[in-house]
Amino acid sequence: MLINCVAYQEGKKLCDIPIEDISEYVQHPDCFVWVALKDAEPAELEKMQEEFCLHELAVEDAQAGHQRPKIEEYGESLFAVMHVLEMRGQEIHVGEVDVFVGTNYVLSVRNRSQQNFMGVRERCEREPHHLMLGSAFVLYALMDAVVDRYFPIVDAIESELEIIEEQIFTKGSQRDNIQKLYQLKRKVIILKHAVTPLLEAVGKLDGGRVPPIVIDTKDYFRDVHDHLYRINASVDSIRDTIATAIQVNLSMVAIDEGEVNKRLAAWAAIFGVATAFVGVWGMNFQFMPELKFRYGYPSALLLVASLCSYLYYRFKKSGWL
């Protein structure tokens, strides 16, 4: 679905144009066309390929979707893939935005995402001195918007982790904590898969051999790289904290199981003593002296009760009961 198709010249908006006129405007000096698509159909991408002379491999990746975040160079053009993350309830939904960038065009294709980039277009149009840098600045603005939307997700994960950490030492909550920690770990993995590859890709736009199309905007991409580096560091820290929390939680489970085992062993010892004495007197030998003793029965009960009470006192004192 077509969202926008706008021509810009010298940092200012010329007009909204039909797709059929794209090839005319891209030939004007200091002019570029910015097209935005949402959940594009193959026919729409084929039309864009025809108008902008897009590389077939890049178009194939955009049609296939579910790509790893990356930035690839095709001659004088760039093809960027970014994951668009959004919180839906307690789950992270993963969308994708594919951006084709040439000297005189920008084509953004948003897939499986409800988030829009109208704010990015408005921002660029409010800053004509930046928009004069051309299509490379639009790529930066789109990338900056995608990356900035990662920060609230990081904050949400950190807040959720803090709540779980406060409950780790609450008795009886270990099972729920383990489940919540593994769900949180899954969210961190999703975020890690979005950030780390993009961090590596953006690093190529502000250092080393910088593609000619972004040579004038590499300082802006350095800012994006810095944001990604901070997010990646936070994700690594959260992942380590989750691993530690899981180990502590498992240790608490083991401690609770040990306490239960100690109680069972203590009660088994107490009943074992009683069983031993009762078993001896229950053998009914003919010449057992206790059988003819008038107070044998109450004495036997008193002895068993005394021994059991003593064992209970000792186990209680040692913390086993």
Protein backbone atom coordinates (compact mmCIF):
# COMPACT_ATOMS: atom_id res chain seq x y z
CA MET A 1 0.00 0.00 0.00
CA LEU A 2 1.33 3.43 -0.97
CA ILE A 3 1.64 5.84 1.96
CA ASN A 4 3.45 8.79 0.42
CA CYS A 5 5.23 9.71 -2.78
CA VAL A 6 6.81 13.15 -2.50
CA ALA A 7 9.43 15.05 -4.49
CA TYR A 8 11.95 17.33 -2.75
CA GLN A 9 14.37 19.84 -4.17
CA GLU A 10 17.09 21.77 -2.34
CA GLY A 11 15.67 20.63 1.00
CA LYS A 12 12.11 21.75 0.31
CA LYS A 13 9.00 19.81 -0.60
CA LEU A 14 7.94 20.31 -4.19
CA CYS A 15 4.73 18.31 -4.29
CA ASP A 16 3.08 14.92 -3.95
CA ILE A 17 3.52 13.07 -7.20
CA PRO A 18 1.99 9.96 -8.78
CA ILE A 19 4.17 6.90 -9.09
CA GLU A 20 4.19 7.19 -12.86
CA ASP A 21 6.01 10.57 -12.67
CA ILE A 22 8.85 9.36 -10.44
CA SER A 23 11.27 8.78 -13.33
CA GLU A 24 10.81 12.41 -14.46
CA TYR A 25 11.53 13.99 -11.08
CA VAL A 26 14.61 11.91 -10.28
CA GLN A 27 16.27 13.43 -13.34
CA HIS A 28 15.97 16.99 -11.98
CA PRO A 29 19.12 18.47 -10.42
CA ASP A 30 19.21 18.65 -6.60
CA CYS A 31 15.96 16.68 -6.50
CA PHE A 32 15.06 13.38 -4.89
CA VAL A 33 11.88 11.39 -4.42
CA TRP A 34 10.83 9.83 -1.12
CA VAL A 35 8.34 6.97 -1.39
CA ALA A 36 6.85 5.14 1.59
CA LEU A 37 5.10 1.77 1.25
CA LYS A 38 3.39 -0.43 3.82
CA ASP A 39 3.17 -4.22 3.38
CA ALA A 40 4.05 -3.81 -0.28
CA GLU A 41 2.77 -6.31 -2.81
CA PRO A 42 5.25 -7.89 -5.28
CA ALA A 43 3.71 -5.85 -8.10
CA GLU A 44 4.35 -2.61 -6.18
CA LEU A 45 7.99 -3.54 -5.58
CA GLU A 46 8.40 -4.44 -9.22
CA LYS A 47 7.05 -1.01 -10.17
CA MET A 48 9.50 0.65 -7.77
CA GLN A 49 12.31 -1.44 -9.18
CA GLU A 50 11.44 -0.17 -12.63
CA GLU A 51 11.21 3.49 -11.57
CA PHE A 52 14.36 3.57 -9.40
CA CYS A 53 16.43 0.84 -11.12
CA LEU A 54 16.72 -1.09 -7.85
CA HIS A 55 19.08 -4.04 -7.62
CA GLU A 56 17.24 -7.31 -8.06
CA LEU A 57 18.86 -8.96 -5.03
CA ALA A 58 17.76 -6.13 -2.75
CA VAL A 59 14.21 -6.32 -4.12
CA GLU A 60 14.24 -10.07 -3.59
CA ASP A 61 15.20 -9.60 0.06
CA ALA A 62 12.43 -7.04 0.52
CA GLN A 63 9.88 -9.40 -1.00
CA ALA A 64 11.01 -12.34 1.13
CA GLY A 65 10.98 -10.36 4.39
CA HIS A 66 12.19 -11.67 7.78
CA GLN A 67 15.72 -10.50 7.02
CA ARG A 68 18.55 -10.05 9.47
CA PRO A 69 19.29 -6.34 10.15
CA LYS A 70 21.94 -5.25 7.68
CA ILE A 71 23.17 -2.55 5.34
CA GLU A 72 24.33 -3.62 1.89
CA GLU A 73 25.95 -1.55 -0.84
CA TYR A 74 24.91 -2.02 -4.47
CA GLY A 75 26.99 0.27 -6.66
CA GLU A 76 25.96 3.82 -5.77
CA SER A 77 22.93 2.73 -3.74
CA LEU A 78 22.35 1.26 -0.29
CA PHE A 79 19.85 -1.27 0.99
CA ALA A 80 19.15 -1.26 4.73
CA VAL A 81 17.06 -3.67 6.79
CA MET A 82 15.98 -2.76 10.33
CA HIS A 83 13.73 -4.50 12.84
CA VAL A 84 10.87 -2.40 14.17
CA LEU A 85 10.05 -3.47 17.74
CA GLU A 86 6.91 -2.58 19.64
CA MET A 87 5.42 -3.73 22.92
CA ARG A 88 1.99 -5.34 22.57
CA GLY A 89 0.88 -6.19 26.07
CA GLN A 90 3.69 -8.25 27.57
CA GLU A 91 5.11 -9.40 24.24
CA ILE A 92 7.51 -7.77 21.79
CA HIS A 93 6.20 -7.71 18.24
CA VAL A 94 8.84 -7.68 15.51
CA GLY A 95 8.22 -5.75 12.31
CA GLU A 96 10.62 -4.79 9.58
CA VAL A 97 11.46 -1.73 7.52
CA ASP A 98 13.49 -2.02 4.33
CA VAL A 99 15.05 1.16 2.97
CA PHE A 100 16.43 1.62 -0.54
CA VAL A 101 18.64 4.69 -0.85
CA GLY A 102 20.10 6.23 -3.99
CA THR A 103 21.48 9.65 -4.82
CA ASN A 104 18.04 10.82 -5.96
CA TYR A 105 15.56 8.59 -4.17
CA VAL A 106 14.53 6.97 -0.89
CA LEU A 107 12.12 4.06 -0.79
CA SER A 108 11.00 2.77 2.61
CA VAL A 109 8.95 -0.43 2.85
CA ARG A 110 7.35 -1.14 6.23
CA ASN A 111 6.18 -4.70 6.92
CA ARG A 112 4.23 -6.29 9.81
CA SER A 113 4.28 -3.12 11.91
CA GLN A 114 1.61 -0.72 13.12
CA GLN A 115 4.15 2.02 13.81
CA ASN A 116 4.40 4.72 11.19
CA PHE A 117 7.13 7.19 10.28
CA MET A 118 5.01 10.26 9.58
CA GLY A 119 6.87 12.01 12.36
CA VAL A 120 10.14 11.37 10.56
CA ARG A 121 8.88 12.99 7.37
CA GLU A 122 7.54 15.97 9.33
CA ARG A 123 10.86 16.33 11.13
CA CYS A 124 12.80 16.31 7.87
CA GLU A 125 10.47 18.86 6.28
CA ARG A 126 10.89 21.16 9.30
CA GLU A 127 14.67 21.04 8.83
CA PRO A 128 15.33 21.98 5.18
CA HIS A 129 18.99 22.73 5.94
CA HIS A 130 19.36 19.05 6.88
CA LEU A 131 17.15 17.79 4.10
CA MET A 132 19.47 19.54 1.66
CA LEU A 133 21.93 16.74 2.43
CA GLY A 134 19.67 14.57 0.34
CA SER A 135 18.52 10.98 0.61
CA ALA A 136 21.32 10.03 3.02
CA PHE A 137 19.85 12.29 5.70
CA VAL A 138 16.45 10.63 5.23
CA LEU A 139 18.10 7.26 5.82
CA TYR A 140 19.66 8.65 9.00
CA ALA A 141 16.31 10.05 10.17
CA LEU A 142 14.53 6.74 9.59
CA MET A 143 17.29 4.80 11.30
CA ASP A 144 17.38 7.21 14.22
CA ALA A 145 13.60 6.86 14.69
CA VAL A 146 13.82 3.05 14.68
CA VAL A 147 16.70 2.99 17.16
CA ASP A 148 15.12 5.55 19.50
CA ARG A 149 12.09 3.26 19.80
CA TYR A 150 14.34 0.58 21.29
CA PHE A 151 15.00 2.65 24.43
CA PRO A 152 11.47 2.35 25.93
CA ILE A 153 11.64 -1.41 25.41
CA VAL A 154 14.96 -1.57 27.26
CA ASP A 155 13.45 0.48 30.10
CA ALA A 156 10.39 -1.81 30.25
CA ILE A 157 12.58 -4.92 30.43
CA GLU A 158 14.74 -3.38 33.17
CA SER A 159 11.65 -2.47 35.21
CA GLU A 160 10.24 -5.97 34.84
CA LEU A 161 13.56 -7.47 35.89
CA GLU A 162 13.69 -5.28 39.00
CA ILE A 163 10.23 -6.49 40.05
CA ILE A 164 11.28 -10.12 39.62
CA GLU A 165 14.50 -9.55 41.60
CA GLU A 166 12.48 -8.20 44.52
CA GLN A 167 10.46 -11.44 44.58
CA ILE A 168 13.36 -13.89 44.33
CA PHE A 169 13.65 -14.31 48.11
CA THR A 170 9.89 -14.48 48.63
CA LYS A 171 9.07 -17.97 49.80
CA GLY A 172 6.97 -20.03 47.41
CA SER A 173 7.53 -17.78 44.37
CA GLN A 174 10.42 -19.70 42.79
CA ARG A 175 8.38 -21.46 40.10
CA ASP A 176 6.73 -18.22 38.94
CA ASN A 177 10.08 -16.42 39.02
CA ILE A 178 11.73 -19.01 36.80
CA GLN A 179 8.90 -18.75 34.27
CA LYS A 180 9.02 -14.94 34.27
CA LEU A 181 12.82 -14.90 33.94
CA TYR A 182 12.76 -17.18 30.92
CA GLN A 183 10.04 -15.06 29.30
CA LEU A 184 12.18 -12.00 29.97
CA LYS A 185 15.20 -13.76 28.52
CA ARG A 186 13.25 -14.37 25.31
CA LYS A 187 12.49 -10.65 25.04
CA VAL A 188 16.17 -9.82 25.52
CA ILE A 189 17.11 -12.25 22.75
CA ILE A 190 14.64 -10.56 20.37
CA LEU A 191 16.12 -7.17 21.23
CA LYS A 192 19.65 -8.52 20.87
CA HIS A 193 18.89 -9.88 17.40
CA ALA A 194 17.65 -6.44 16.37
CA VAL A 195 20.50 -4.39 17.84
CA THR A 196 23.76 -6.30 17.42
CA PRO A 197 23.68 -6.85 13.61
CA LEU A 198 22.56 -3.25 13.05
CA LEU A 199 25.38 -2.02 15.31
CA GLU A 200 27.91 -3.81 13.12
CA ALA A 201 26.31 -2.51 9.92
CA VAL A 202 26.05 1.14 11.02
CA GLY A 203 29.69 1.04 12.08
CA LYS A 204 30.58 0.80 8.38
CA LEU A 205 28.81 4.11 7.67
CA ASP A 206 30.93 6.29 9.97
CA GLY A 207 34.34 4.63 9.88
CA GLY A 208 36.70 2.93 7.47
CA ARG A 209 35.55 2.96 3.88
CA VAL A 210 32.36 5.00 3.99
CA PRO A 211 29.98 4.55 1.00
CA PRO A 212 30.06 7.71 -1.17
CA ILE A 213 26.34 8.31 -0.81
CA VAL A 214 26.64 8.91 2.97
CA ILE A 215 30.03 10.63 3.04
CA ASP A 216 28.47 13.99 3.97
CA THR A 217 26.29 12.51 6.73
CA LYS A 218 28.69 10.11 8.43
CA ASP A 219 28.69 12.25 11.59
CA TYR A 220 24.94 11.65 11.92
CA PHE A 221 25.42 7.90 11.56
CA ARG A 222 28.07 8.07 14.27
CA ASP A 223 25.32 9.34 16.59
CA VAL A 224 23.11 6.36 15.65
CA HIS A 225 26.07 4.04 16.23
CA ASP A 226 26.55 5.55 19.69
CA HIS A 227 22.88 4.96 20.55
CA LEU A 228 23.09 1.37 19.37
CA TYR A 229 26.28 0.83 21.36
CA ARG A 230 24.56 2.05 24.54
CA ILE A 231 21.54 -0.13 23.92
CA ASN A 232 23.73 -3.14 23.19
CA ALA A 233 25.66 -2.58 26.43
CA SER A 234 22.39 -2.35 28.37
CA VAL A 235 21.12 -5.55 26.74
CA ASP A 236 24.32 -7.40 27.66
CA SER A 237 24.04 -6.15 31.24
CA ILE A 238 20.38 -7.23 31.44
CA ARG A 239 21.23 -10.64 30.01
CA ASP A 240 23.98 -11.16 32.63
CA THR A 241 21.62 -10.06 35.39
CA ILE A 242 18.95 -12.48 34.20
CA ALA A 243 21.48 -15.33 34.16
CA THR A 244 22.52 -14.45 37.72
CA ALA A 245 18.89 -14.19 38.84
CA ILE A 246 18.14 -17.62 37.37
CA GLN A 247 21.11 -19.13 39.23
CA VAL A 248 20.05 -17.47 42.49
CA ASN A 249 16.48 -18.64 42.01
CA LEU A 250 17.63 -22.22 41.35
CA SER A 251 19.81 -22.02 44.46
CA MET A 252 16.80 -20.92 46.47
CA VAL A 253 14.87 -23.90 45.11
CA ALA A 254 17.72 -26.21 46.14
CA ILE A 255 17.83 -24.65 49.61
CA ASP A 256 14.07 -25.11 50.04
CA GLU A 257 14.36 -28.72 48.90
CA GLY A 258 17.19 -29.24 51.39
CA GLU A 259 15.02 -27.87 54.19
CA VAL A 260 12.24 -30.25 53.24
CA ASN A 261 14.66 -33.18 53.11
CA LYS A 262 16.00 -32.30 56.55
CA ARG A 263 12.49 -32.25 58.01
CA LEU A 264 11.67 -35.58 56.40
CA ALA A 265 14.91 -37.10 57.71
CA ALA A 266 14.23 -35.79 61.23
CA TRP A 267 10.70 -37.20 61.33
CA ALA A 268 11.96 -40.46 59.83
CA ALA A 269 14.52 -40.75 62.65
CA ILE A 270 11.87 -40.08 65.29
CA PHE A 271 9.46 -42.65 63.92
CA GLY A 272 12.33 -45.04 63.31
CA VAL A 273 13.16 -45.16 67.04
CA ALA A 274 9.52 -45.72 67.94
CA THR A 275 9.22 -48.43 65.30
CA ALA A 276 12.33 -50.21 66.62
CA PHE A 277 11.03 -50.46 70.16
CA VAL A 278 7.51 -51.39 69.15
CA GLY A 279 8.90 -53.97 66.75
CA VAL A 280 10.91 -55.67 69.49
CA TRP A 281 7.94 -55.87 71.84
CA GLY A 282 5.70 -57.03 69.05
CA MET A 283 7.66 -60.25 68.48
CA ASN A 284 5.68 -62.04 71.27
CA PHE A 285 8.46 -64.31 72.57
CA GLN A 286 7.29 -66.62 75.37
CA PHE A 287 10.07 -65.79 77.83
CA MET A 288 10.34 -62.03 77.37
CA PRO A 289 10.52 -60.52 80.90
CA GLU A 290 8.49 -57.49 79.94
CA LEU A 291 5.44 -59.64 79.11
CA LYS A 292 4.69 -60.46 82.78
CA PHE A 293 5.57 -57.00 84.09
CA ARG A 294 2.41 -55.34 85.43
CA TYR A 295 3.37 -51.87 84.26
CA GLY A 296 5.16 -53.02 81.13
CA TYR A 297 2.75 -51.49 78.65
CA PRO A 298 2.61 -47.95 80.09
CA SER A 299 6.36 -48.10 80.74
CA ALA A 300 6.99 -49.02 77.12
CA LEU A 301 4.79 -46.16 75.89
CA LEU A 302 6.51 -43.76 78.27
CA LEU A 303 9.95 -44.86 77.08
CA VAL A 304 9.03 -44.49 73.41
CA ALA A 305 7.40 -41.09 74.04
CA SER A 306 10.41 -39.90 76.02
CA LEU A 307 12.90 -40.90 73.35
CA CYS A 308 10.79 -39.38 70.58
CA SER A 309 10.37 -36.17 72.58
CA TYR A 310 14.12 -35.97 73.17
CA LEU A 311 14.87 -36.47 69.47
CA TYR A 312 12.27 -33.85 68.55
CA TYR A 313 13.93 -31.40 70.99
CA ARG A 314 17.38 -32.05 69.53
CA PHE A 315 16.21 -31.71 65.91
CA LYS A 316 14.28 -28.56 66.77
CA LYS A 317 17.31 -27.06 68.46
CA SER A 318 19.53 -27.84 65.48
CA GLY A 319 17.06 -26.25 63.05
CA TRP A 320 15.96 -29.42 61.29
CA LEU A 321 12.37 -29.03 62.46
